[in-house]
Amino acid sequence: MTYKNKQTEVFFEYRDDYNMLQKKTMLLDGILNAFQAEDILINQYGFKIEKVYEPSKRVYS
């Protein structure tokens, strides 16, 4: 994950409807850690999360 303009760019792996492993990047509002991002991806977007990568320390403005 990287941070841009008070948004967190989240890199994660998930299982799609056919149980295939997919990789995806999304921008979520707020400065989040991996646990918060995983919770949002599961509860709001309905992803079957395999792994959320830890945030890097790079902050962009």
PDB file of N, CA and C in Angstrom:
ATOM      1  N   MET A   1       0.847  -1.172   0.000  1.00  0.00           N
ATOM      2  CA  MET A   1       0.000   0.000   0.000  1.00  0.00           C
ATOM      3  C   MET A   1       0.891   1.232   0.000  1.00  0.00           C
ATOM      4  N   THR A   2       0.441   2.243  -0.670  1.00  0.00           N
ATOM      5  CA  THR A   2       1.087   3.549  -0.608  1.00  0.00           C
ATOM      6  C   THR A   2       0.009   4.579  -0.332  1.00  0.00           C
ATOM      7  N   TYR A   3       0.431   5.725   0.157  1.00  0.00           N
ATOM      8  CA  TYR A   3      -0.514   6.764   0.533  1.00  0.00           C
ATOM      9  C   TYR A   3      -0.438   7.924  -0.449  1.00  0.00           C
ATOM     10  N   LYS A   4      -1.592   8.397  -0.937  1.00  0.00           N
ATOM     11  CA  LYS A   4      -1.654   9.516  -1.877  1.00  0.00           C
ATOM     12  C   LYS A   4      -2.843  10.392  -1.510  1.00  0.00           C
ATOM     13  N   ASN A   5      -2.600  11.666  -1.205  1.00  0.00           N
ATOM     14  CA  ASN A   5      -3.679  12.627  -0.956  1.00  0.00           C
ATOM     15  C   ASN A   5      -4.729  12.107   0.021  1.00  0.00           C
ATOM     16  N   LYS A   6      -4.269  11.655   1.176  1.00  0.00           N
ATOM     17  CA  LYS A   6      -5.153  11.124   2.224  1.00  0.00           C
ATOM     18  C   LYS A   6      -5.978   9.937   1.747  1.00  0.00           C
ATOM     19  N   GLN A   7      -5.454   9.233   0.773  1.00  0.00           N
ATOM     20  CA  GLN A   7      -6.040   7.970   0.336  1.00  0.00           C
ATOM     21  C   GLN A   7      -4.958   6.908   0.427  1.00  0.00           C
ATOM     22  N   THR A   8      -5.365   5.685   0.615  1.00  0.00           N
ATOM     23  CA  THR A   8      -4.437   4.572   0.685  1.00  0.00           C
ATOM     24  C   THR A   8      -4.597   3.732  -0.572  1.00  0.00           C
ATOM     25  N   GLU A   9      -3.489   3.539  -1.285  1.00  0.00           N
ATOM     26  CA  GLU A   9      -3.493   2.660  -2.446  1.00  0.00           C
ATOM     27  C   GLU A   9      -3.211   1.249  -1.931  1.00  0.00           C
ATOM     28  N   VAL A  10      -4.184   0.364  -2.032  1.00  0.00           N
ATOM     29  CA  VAL A  10      -4.126  -0.962  -1.428  1.00  0.00           C
ATOM     30  C   VAL A  10      -3.849  -2.009  -2.500  1.00  0.00           C
ATOM     31  N   PHE A  11      -2.828  -2.829  -2.267  1.00  0.00           N
ATOM     32  CA  PHE A  11      -2.512  -3.958  -3.141  1.00  0.00           C
ATOM     33  C   PHE A  11      -2.954  -5.219  -2.411  1.00  0.00           C
ATOM     34  N   PHE A  12      -3.776  -6.051  -3.057  1.00  0.00           N
ATOM     35  CA  PHE A  12      -4.271  -7.241  -2.373  1.00  0.00           C
ATOM     36  C   PHE A  12      -4.549  -8.366  -3.356  1.00  0.00           C
ATOM     37  N   GLU A  13      -4.644  -9.573  -2.807  1.00  0.00           N
ATOM     38  CA  GLU A  13      -5.006 -10.768  -3.565  1.00  0.00           C
ATOM     39  C   GLU A  13      -6.346 -11.252  -3.043  1.00  0.00           C
ATOM     40  N   TYR A  14      -7.201 -11.708  -3.962  1.00  0.00           N
ATOM     41  CA  TYR A  14      -8.525 -12.186  -3.567  1.00  0.00           C
ATOM     42  C   TYR A  14      -8.953 -13.329  -4.477  1.00  0.00           C
ATOM     43  N   ARG A  15     -10.000 -14.036  -4.066  1.00  0.00           N
ATOM     44  CA  ARG A  15     -10.584 -15.108  -4.871  1.00  0.00           C
ATOM     45  C   ARG A  15     -11.837 -14.574  -5.550  1.00  0.00           C
ATOM     46  N   ASP A  16     -11.946 -14.789  -6.869  1.00  0.00           N
ATOM     47  CA  ASP A  16     -13.136 -14.339  -7.597  1.00  0.00           C
ATOM     48  C   ASP A  16     -14.249 -15.382  -7.502  1.00  0.00           C
ATOM     49  N   ASP A  17     -15.331 -15.180  -8.241  1.00  0.00           N
ATOM     50  CA  ASP A  17     -16.486 -16.086  -8.193  1.00  0.00           C
ATOM     51  C   ASP A  17     -16.152 -17.503  -8.652  1.00  0.00           C
ATOM     52  N   TYR A  18     -15.089 -17.656  -9.442  1.00  0.00           N
ATOM     53  CA  TYR A  18     -14.677 -18.966  -9.941  1.00  0.00           C
ATOM     54  C   TYR A  18     -13.534 -19.553  -9.119  1.00  0.00           C
ATOM     55  N   ASN A  19     -13.269 -18.962  -7.935  1.00  0.00           N
ATOM     56  CA  ASN A  19     -12.228 -19.383  -6.998  1.00  0.00           C
ATOM     57  C   ASN A  19     -10.822 -19.243  -7.585  1.00  0.00           C
ATOM     58  N   MET A  20     -10.655 -18.336  -8.543  1.00  0.00           N
ATOM     59  CA  MET A  20      -9.346 -18.057  -9.128  1.00  0.00           C
ATOM     60  C   MET A  20      -8.687 -16.933  -8.335  1.00  0.00           C
ATOM     61  N   LEU A  21      -7.385 -17.068  -8.080  1.00  0.00           N
ATOM     62  CA  LEU A  21      -6.647 -16.046  -7.354  1.00  0.00           C
ATOM     63  C   LEU A  21      -6.393 -14.854  -8.270  1.00  0.00           C
ATOM     64  N   GLN A  22      -6.789 -13.675  -7.843  1.00  0.00           N
ATOM     65  CA  GLN A  22      -6.626 -12.448  -8.621  1.00  0.00           C
ATOM     66  C   GLN A  22      -5.845 -11.433  -7.793  1.00  0.00           C
ATOM     67  N   LYS A  23      -5.160 -10.512  -8.466  1.00  0.00           N
ATOM     68  CA  LYS A  23      -4.473  -9.407  -7.796  1.00  0.00           C
ATOM     69  C   LYS A  23      -5.141  -8.115  -8.221  1.00  0.00           C
ATOM     70  N   LYS A  24      -5.249  -7.179  -7.298  1.00  0.00           N
ATOM     71  CA  LYS A  24      -5.954  -5.943  -7.596  1.00  0.00           C
ATOM     72  C   LYS A  24      -5.357  -4.812  -6.778  1.00  0.00           C
ATOM     73  N   THR A  25      -5.504  -3.597  -7.298  1.00  0.00           N
ATOM     74  CA  THR A  25      -5.112  -2.379  -6.608  1.00  0.00           C
ATOM     75  C   THR A  25      -6.327  -1.469  -6.541  1.00  0.00           C
ATOM     76  N   MET A  26      -6.587  -0.893  -5.372  1.00  0.00           N
ATOM     77  CA  MET A  26      -7.706   0.040  -5.203  1.00  0.00           C
ATOM     78  C   MET A  26      -7.258   1.215  -4.355  1.00  0.00           C
ATOM     79  N   LEU A  27      -7.891   2.361  -4.558  1.00  0.00           N
ATOM     80  CA  LEU A  27      -7.688   3.517  -3.692  1.00  0.00           C
ATOM     81  C   LEU A  27      -8.829   3.579  -2.690  1.00  0.00           C
ATOM     82  N   LEU A  28      -8.492   3.601  -1.406  1.00  0.00           N
ATOM     83  CA  LEU A  28      -9.482   3.736  -0.340  1.00  0.00           C
ATOM     84  C   LEU A  28      -9.241   5.053   0.379  1.00  0.00           C
ATOM     85  N   ASP A  29     -10.313   5.716   0.815  1.00  0.00           N
ATOM     86  CA  ASP A  29     -10.182   6.990   1.519  1.00  0.00           C
ATOM     87  C   ASP A  29      -9.586   6.778   2.898  1.00  0.00           C
ATOM     88  N   GLY A  30      -8.699   7.681   3.296  1.00  0.00           N
ATOM     89  CA  GLY A  30      -8.097   7.645   4.622  1.00  0.00           C
ATOM     90  C   GLY A  30      -6.739   6.979   4.605  1.00  0.00           C
ATOM     91  N   ILE A  31      -5.986   7.207   5.677  1.00  0.00           N
ATOM     92  CA  ILE A  31      -4.691   6.571   5.875  1.00  0.00           C
ATOM     93  C   ILE A  31      -4.967   5.297   6.672  1.00  0.00           C
ATOM     94  N   LEU A  32      -4.816   4.149   6.037  1.00  0.00           N
ATOM     95  CA  LEU A  32      -5.211   2.873   6.635  1.00  0.00           C
ATOM     96  C   LEU A  32      -4.024   1.941   6.791  1.00  0.00           C
ATOM     97  N   ASN A  33      -4.124   1.031   7.755  1.00  0.00           N
ATOM     98  CA  ASN A  33      -3.150  -0.054   7.823  1.00  0.00           C
ATOM     99  C   ASN A  33      -3.763  -1.279   7.146  1.00  0.00           C
ATOM    100  N   ALA A  34      -3.037  -2.366   7.093  1.00  0.00           N
ATOM    101  CA  ALA A  34      -3.498  -3.551   6.359  1.00  0.00           C
ATOM    102  C   ALA A  34      -4.766  -4.151   6.964  1.00  0.00           C
ATOM    103  N   PHE A  35      -4.887  -4.142   8.290  1.00  0.00           N
ATOM    104  CA  PHE A  35      -6.076  -4.722   8.933  1.00  0.00           C
ATOM    105  C   PHE A  35      -7.320  -3.900   8.641  1.00  0.00           C
ATOM    106  N   GLN A  36      -7.193  -2.580   8.685  1.00  0.00           N
ATOM    107  CA  GLN A  36      -8.332  -1.712   8.381  1.00  0.00           C
ATOM    108  C   GLN A  36      -8.737  -1.861   6.918  1.00  0.00           C
ATOM    109  N   ALA A  37      -7.753  -1.901   6.029  1.00  0.00           N
ATOM    110  CA  ALA A  37      -8.038  -2.044   4.598  1.00  0.00           C
ATOM    111  C   ALA A  37      -8.720  -3.379   4.316  1.00  0.00           C
ATOM    112  N   GLU A  38      -8.250  -4.445   4.938  1.00  0.00           N
ATOM    113  CA  GLU A  38      -8.858  -5.761   4.736  1.00  0.00           C
ATOM    114  C   GLU A  38     -10.309  -5.758   5.207  1.00  0.00           C
ATOM    115  N   ASP A  39     -10.581  -5.137   6.345  1.00  0.00           N
ATOM    116  CA  ASP A  39     -11.942  -5.054   6.870  1.00  0.00           C
ATOM    117  C   ASP A  39     -12.865  -4.314   5.900  1.00  0.00           C
ATOM    118  N   ILE A  40     -12.399  -3.209   5.335  1.00  0.00           N
ATOM    119  CA  ILE A  40     -13.198  -2.440   4.374  1.00  0.00           C
ATOM    120  C   ILE A  40     -13.445  -3.252   3.103  1.00  0.00           C
ATOM    121  N   LEU A  41     -12.403  -3.912   2.597  1.00  0.00           N
ATOM    122  CA  LEU A  41     -12.541  -4.696   1.367  1.00  0.00           C
ATOM    123  C   LEU A  41     -13.520  -5.858   1.534  1.00  0.00           C
ATOM    124  N   ILE A  42     -13.532  -6.472   2.700  1.00  0.00           N
ATOM    125  CA  ILE A  42     -14.453  -7.592   2.949  1.00  0.00           C
ATOM    126  C   ILE A  42     -15.872  -7.094   3.169  1.00  0.00           C
ATOM    127  N   ASN A  43     -16.045  -6.123   4.064  1.00  0.00           N
ATOM    128  CA  ASN A  43     -17.389  -5.703   4.473  1.00  0.00           C
ATOM    129  C   ASN A  43     -18.081  -4.785   3.472  1.00  0.00           C
ATOM    130  N   GLN A  44     -17.355  -3.850   2.858  1.00  0.00           N
ATOM    131  CA  GLN A  44     -17.998  -2.908   1.942  1.00  0.00           C
ATOM    132  C   GLN A  44     -18.013  -3.395   0.500  1.00  0.00           C
ATOM    133  N   TYR A  45     -16.952  -4.082   0.085  1.00  0.00           N
ATOM    134  CA  TYR A  45     -16.843  -4.478  -1.316  1.00  0.00           C
ATOM    135  C   TYR A  45     -17.088  -5.966  -1.548  1.00  0.00           C
ATOM    136  N   GLY A  46     -17.106  -6.772  -0.499  1.00  0.00           N
ATOM    137  CA  GLY A  46     -17.437  -8.189  -0.621  1.00  0.00           C
ATOM    138  C   GLY A  46     -16.353  -9.073  -1.216  1.00  0.00           C
ATOM    139  N   PHE A  47     -15.094  -8.650  -1.162  1.00  0.00           N
ATOM    140  CA  PHE A  47     -14.003  -9.476  -1.680  1.00  0.00           C
ATOM    141  C   PHE A  47     -13.716 -10.637  -0.733  1.00  0.00           C
ATOM    142  N   LYS A  48     -13.288 -11.772  -1.294  1.00  0.00           N
ATOM    143  CA  LYS A  48     -12.805 -12.910  -0.506  1.00  0.00           C
ATOM    144  C   LYS A  48     -11.284 -12.765  -0.447  1.00  0.00           C
ATOM    145  N   ILE A  49     -10.795 -12.088   0.563  1.00  0.00           N
ATOM    146  CA  ILE A  49      -9.395 -11.681   0.649  1.00  0.00           C
ATOM    147  C   ILE A  49      -8.493 -12.860   0.991  1.00  0.00           C
ATOM    148  N   GLU A  50      -7.398 -12.982   0.250  1.00  0.00           N
ATOM    149  CA  GLU A  50      -6.333 -13.929   0.564  1.00  0.00           C
ATOM    150  C   GLU A  50      -5.207 -13.217   1.309  1.00  0.00           C
ATOM    151  N   LYS A  51      -4.809 -12.037   0.801  1.00  0.00           N
ATOM    152  CA  LYS A  51      -3.691 -11.317   1.407  1.00  0.00           C
ATOM    153  C   LYS A  51      -3.800  -9.838   1.069  1.00  0.00           C
ATOM    154  N   VAL A  52      -3.547  -8.993   2.070  1.00  0.00           N
ATOM    155  CA  VAL A  52      -3.406  -7.558   1.859  1.00  0.00           C
ATOM    156  C   VAL A  52      -1.964  -7.232   2.201  1.00  0.00           C
ATOM    157  N   TYR A  53      -1.262  -6.590   1.285  1.00  0.00           N
ATOM    158  CA  TYR A  53       0.143  -6.293   1.505  1.00  0.00           C
ATOM    159  C   TYR A  53       0.293  -5.124   2.462  1.00  0.00           C
ATOM    160  N   GLU A  54       1.295  -5.192   3.323  1.00  0.00           N
ATOM    161  CA  GLU A  54       1.553  -4.137   4.301  1.00  0.00           C
ATOM    162  C   GLU A  54       1.862  -2.824   3.590  1.00  0.00           C
ATOM    163  N   PRO A  55       1.482  -1.700   4.214  1.00  0.00           N
ATOM    164  CA  PRO A  55       1.731  -0.406   3.578  1.00  0.00           C
ATOM    165  C   PRO A  55       3.216  -0.074   3.561  1.00  0.00           C
ATOM    166  N   SER A  56       3.623   0.590   2.502  1.00  0.00           N
ATOM    167  CA  SER A  56       4.986   1.101   2.470  1.00  0.00           C
ATOM    168  C   SER A  56       4.992   2.430   3.212  1.00  0.00           C
ATOM    169  N   LYS A  57       6.138   2.949   3.473  1.00  0.00           N
ATOM    170  CA  LYS A  57       6.228   4.199   4.223  1.00  0.00           C
ATOM    171  C   LYS A  57       6.253   5.420   3.311  1.00  0.00           C
ATOM    172  N   ARG A  58       6.001   5.226   2.016  1.00  0.00           N
ATOM    173  CA  ARG A  58       6.002   6.352   1.082  1.00  0.00           C
ATOM    174  C   ARG A  58       4.683   7.104   1.184  1.00  0.00           C
ATOM    175  N   VAL A  59       4.759   8.399   1.378  1.00  0.00           N
ATOM    176  CA  VAL A  59       3.564   9.241   1.434  1.00  0.00           C
ATOM    177  C   VAL A  59       3.690  10.282   0.339  1.00  0.00           C
ATOM    178  N   TYR A  60       2.680  10.357  -0.530  1.00  0.00           N
ATOM    179  CA  TYR A  60       2.678  11.317  -1.625  1.00  0.00           C
ATOM    180  C   TYR A  60       1.680  12.414  -1.312  1.00  0.00           C
ATOM    181  N   SER A  61       2.016  13.637  -1.726  1.00  0.00           N
ATOM    182  CA  SER A  61       1.057  14.734  -1.505  1.00  0.00           C
ATOM    183  C   SER A  61       0.594  15.305  -2.826  1.00  0.00           C
TER     184      SER A  61
END
